Protein backbone atom coordinates (compact mmCIF):
# COMPACT_ATOMS: atom_id res chain seq x y z
CA MET A 1 16.62 15.32 -19.01
CA SER A 2 16.75 14.96 -15.47
CA ARG A 3 19.66 12.06 -14.05
CA SER A 4 17.43 9.88 -12.92
CA ARG A 5 15.64 9.52 -16.31
CA SER A 6 17.22 8.01 -19.43
CA ARG A 7 16.99 9.27 -23.35
CA LEU A 8 14.89 6.00 -23.71
CA GLN A 9 12.47 7.10 -21.45
CA ASP A 10 12.45 10.74 -22.89
CA ASN A 11 11.86 9.07 -26.22
CA ALA A 12 9.00 6.62 -24.92
CA GLU A 13 7.36 9.39 -23.67
CA ILE A 14 7.03 11.51 -26.69
CA LYS A 15 5.87 8.45 -28.96
CA PHE A 16 3.55 6.83 -26.55
CA PRO A 17 0.85 8.19 -24.75
CA VAL A 18 0.17 5.48 -22.07
CA ARG A 19 2.61 4.55 -19.58
CA LEU A 20 2.44 1.92 -17.13
CA ARG A 21 4.72 1.19 -14.36
CA ILE A 22 5.31 -2.60 -12.70
CA GLN A 23 6.88 -3.40 -9.65
CA ILE A 24 9.43 -6.07 -9.92
CA PRO A 25 9.39 -8.72 -7.26
CA GLY A 26 12.80 -9.10 -5.28
CA GLN A 27 13.37 -12.22 -7.61
CA GLY A 28 13.02 -10.08 -10.81
CA LEU A 29 10.33 -11.24 -13.50
CA GLY A 30 12.50 -14.74 -14.68
CA GLN A 31 10.29 -16.10 -17.61
CA GLN A 32 7.40 -13.84 -16.93
CA LEU A 33 9.51 -11.03 -18.96
CA ASP A 34 10.24 -12.99 -21.84
CA GLU A 35 6.50 -13.82 -22.05
CA MET A 36 5.62 -10.29 -21.40
CA LEU A 37 8.15 -9.34 -24.24
CA HIS A 38 6.70 -11.60 -26.38
CA TRP A 39 2.91 -10.32 -25.82
CA LEU A 40 4.03 -7.02 -26.97
CA ARG A 41 5.96 -7.92 -29.99
CA ALA A 42 2.82 -9.92 -31.31
CA ARG A 43 0.37 -7.46 -30.50
CA TYR A 44 2.41 -3.93 -31.73
CA GLY A 45 5.88 -5.25 -33.42
CA THR A 46 9.49 -4.62 -32.22
CA GLY A 47 8.97 -0.53 -32.49
CA GLY A 48 5.13 -0.04 -31.24
CA PHE A 49 6.30 -0.47 -27.65
CA ALA A 50 8.85 0.30 -24.86
CA PHE A 51 9.78 -1.04 -22.05
CA THR A 52 12.29 0.41 -19.77
CA GLY A 53 13.90 0.87 -16.30
CA ALA A 54 11.37 3.08 -13.93
CA PRO A 55 13.80 4.38 -11.05
CA MET A 56 12.09 4.63 -7.65
CA PRO A 57 13.54 5.13 -4.51
CA GLY A 58 13.24 2.00 -2.19
CA MET A 59 11.36 0.02 -5.28
CA ASP A 60 12.24 -1.90 -8.37
CA ALA A 61 10.15 -0.96 -11.09
CA ALA A 62 10.06 -0.76 -15.09
CA PHE A 63 7.48 1.18 -17.14
CA VAL A 64 5.86 0.20 -20.33
CA TYR A 65 4.70 2.59 -22.75
CA PHE A 66 1.78 1.56 -25.24
CA PRO A 67 0.34 3.74 -28.21
CA ASP A 68 -3.46 3.02 -26.61
CA ILE A 69 -5.02 2.37 -23.37
CA THR A 70 -6.69 -1.08 -24.59
CA GLY A 71 -3.44 -2.76 -24.89
CA ALA A 72 -2.37 -1.04 -21.72
CA ALA A 73 -5.53 -2.74 -19.80
CA GLU A 74 -4.79 -6.00 -21.75
CA PHE A 75 -1.12 -6.26 -20.85
CA ALA A 76 -2.16 -5.63 -17.19
CA GLU A 77 -5.20 -8.18 -17.00
CA ARG A 78 -2.83 -10.67 -18.93
CA PHE A 79 -0.17 -10.59 -16.39
CA ASP A 80 -1.68 -9.48 -13.34
CA PHE A 81 -1.03 -5.90 -13.17
CA ASP A 82 -3.12 -3.17 -11.43
CA LEU A 83 -3.63 -0.06 -13.51
CA ALA A 84 -3.37 3.19 -11.48
CA ALA A 85 -3.14 6.71 -12.71
CA PHE A 86 0.09 9.17 -12.32
CA PRO A 87 -0.81 12.30 -10.15
CA ASP A 88 1.26 13.98 -12.48
CA ARG A 89 -0.33 12.45 -15.62
CA PRO A 90 -3.85 10.82 -16.44
CA LEU A 91 -4.12 7.04 -17.56
CA TYR A 92 -6.08 8.10 -20.50
């Protein structure tokens, strides 16, 4: 495990095949974070997704891990995030 990654991230990548990186605005997510977590829990239950920090140089970001691409796409649409594939990992 690299120093920039957490054990939670490593476990989430093993358990969930779909990862969505979201950029955190300068003022933070505020109430939107509560809404996102409520949506995720309602859809997947408490153990059916993961939400972690995503250390990125020069940017505050988070990773949301999903069991399926459909849920990731619906989450992105609901909260107005763009989906983008990682160069080292396909989106599907």
